[in-house]
Protein backbone atom coordinates (compact mmCIF):
# COMPACT_ATOMS: atom_id res chain seq x y z
CA MET A 1 0.01 0.20 -0.04
CA GLY A 2 1.51 3.36 -1.29
CA LEU A 3 1.20 7.01 -0.14
CA TRP A 4 -1.28 6.86 -3.19
CA THR A 5 -3.94 4.55 -1.95
CA LEU A 6 -4.07 6.26 1.62
CA LEU A 7 -4.51 9.34 -0.16
CA GLU A 8 -7.19 8.01 -2.22
CA GLY A 9 -8.98 6.26 0.40
CA PHE A 10 -9.08 9.56 2.83
CA LEU A 11 -10.35 11.14 0.05
CA LEU A 12 -12.65 8.65 -0.34
CA LEU A 13 -13.23 8.33 3.38
CA ALA A 14 -14.16 12.72 3.00
CA ASN A 15 -16.94 11.64 -0.04
CA ALA A 16 -18.76 9.27 2.64
CA LEU A 17 -19.38 11.87 5.08
CA ALA A 18 -19.86 14.70 2.35
CA ILE A 19 -22.76 12.61 1.61
CA LEU A 20 -24.64 12.32 4.62
CA ASN A 21 -28.35 13.99 4.75
CA GLU A 22 -28.68 15.61 7.92
CA ASP A 23 -32.67 14.54 7.42
CA ARG A 24 -32.61 11.37 6.33
CA PHE A 25 -29.51 10.41 8.65
CA LEU A 26 -27.78 12.02 10.96
CA ALA A 27 -31.09 13.61 12.53
CA PRO A 28 -33.08 10.21 13.22
CA ARG A 29 -30.09 8.93 15.12
CA GLY A 30 -30.54 11.81 17.10
CA TRP A 31 -26.63 13.10 15.39
CA GLY A 32 -28.29 16.10 14.18
CA LEU A 33 -26.90 19.87 14.36
CA SER A 34 -30.17 20.64 17.08
CA ASP A 35 -28.85 17.93 19.20
CA PHE A 36 -25.42 18.93 18.98
CA SER A 37 -24.34 21.85 22.15
CA ALA A 38 -21.73 23.94 23.36
CA GLY A 39 -21.14 21.70 26.25
CA GLN A 40 -20.12 18.76 23.79
CA THR A 41 -17.35 19.75 21.87
CA LYS A 42 -15.14 17.71 23.46
CA SER A 43 -16.47 14.42 23.19
CA PHE A 44 -16.33 12.05 20.33
CA LYS A 45 -19.26 12.62 18.94
CA GLY A 46 -19.00 15.74 18.74
CA GLN A 47 -15.58 15.38 16.91
CA VAL A 48 -17.20 12.94 14.66
CA LEU A 49 -19.83 15.85 14.23
CA GLY A 50 -17.79 18.58 13.56
CA LEU A 51 -16.15 16.27 10.88
CA ILE A 52 -18.96 16.15 9.04
CA TYR A 53 -19.91 19.09 9.19
CA ALA A 54 -16.96 20.40 7.84
CA THR A 55 -16.61 17.51 5.22
CA GLN A 56 -20.73 18.66 3.54
CA TYR A 57 -19.35 22.70 4.24
CA LEU A 58 -15.87 21.64 1.93
CA ARG A 59 -18.04 20.46 -1.20
CA PHE A 60 -16.55 22.33 -3.60
CA PRO A 61 -12.49 21.73 -2.79
CA LEU A 62 -13.34 17.84 -2.78
CA ILE A 63 -15.27 18.11 -6.50
CA LEU A 64 -11.79 19.35 -7.33
CA LEU A 65 -9.93 16.62 -5.63
CA ASN A 66 -11.83 13.62 -7.13
CA SER A 67 -10.87 15.49 -10.30
CA ILE A 68 -7.69 15.34 -10.08
CA CYS A 69 -7.82 11.86 -8.70
CA ILE A 70 -9.44 10.61 -11.43
CA ILE A 71 -7.25 12.64 -14.07
CA VAL A 72 -4.22 10.81 -12.92
CA LYS A 73 -5.48 7.88 -12.45
CA LEU A 74 -6.28 7.85 -15.82
CA VAL A 75 -3.01 9.09 -17.37
CA SER A 76 -1.36 6.38 -14.78
CA GLY A 77 -3.55 3.75 -15.73
């Protein structure tokens, strides 16, 4: 496993987090933004929820990174 494969794995994980829908998936399980209070930012749930919302906020850079990854895969084979 090389560095490129590891970066692709992180990109796939970021894509998976970016497409999670709050109304359909997160809120019914208690992971919605309304369930998140300021005192829970240090907990594991708070950290994961912050990561999910950060990846949803950065969708356009993810599109660019996906495009670069596709072009590299097409060129390198």
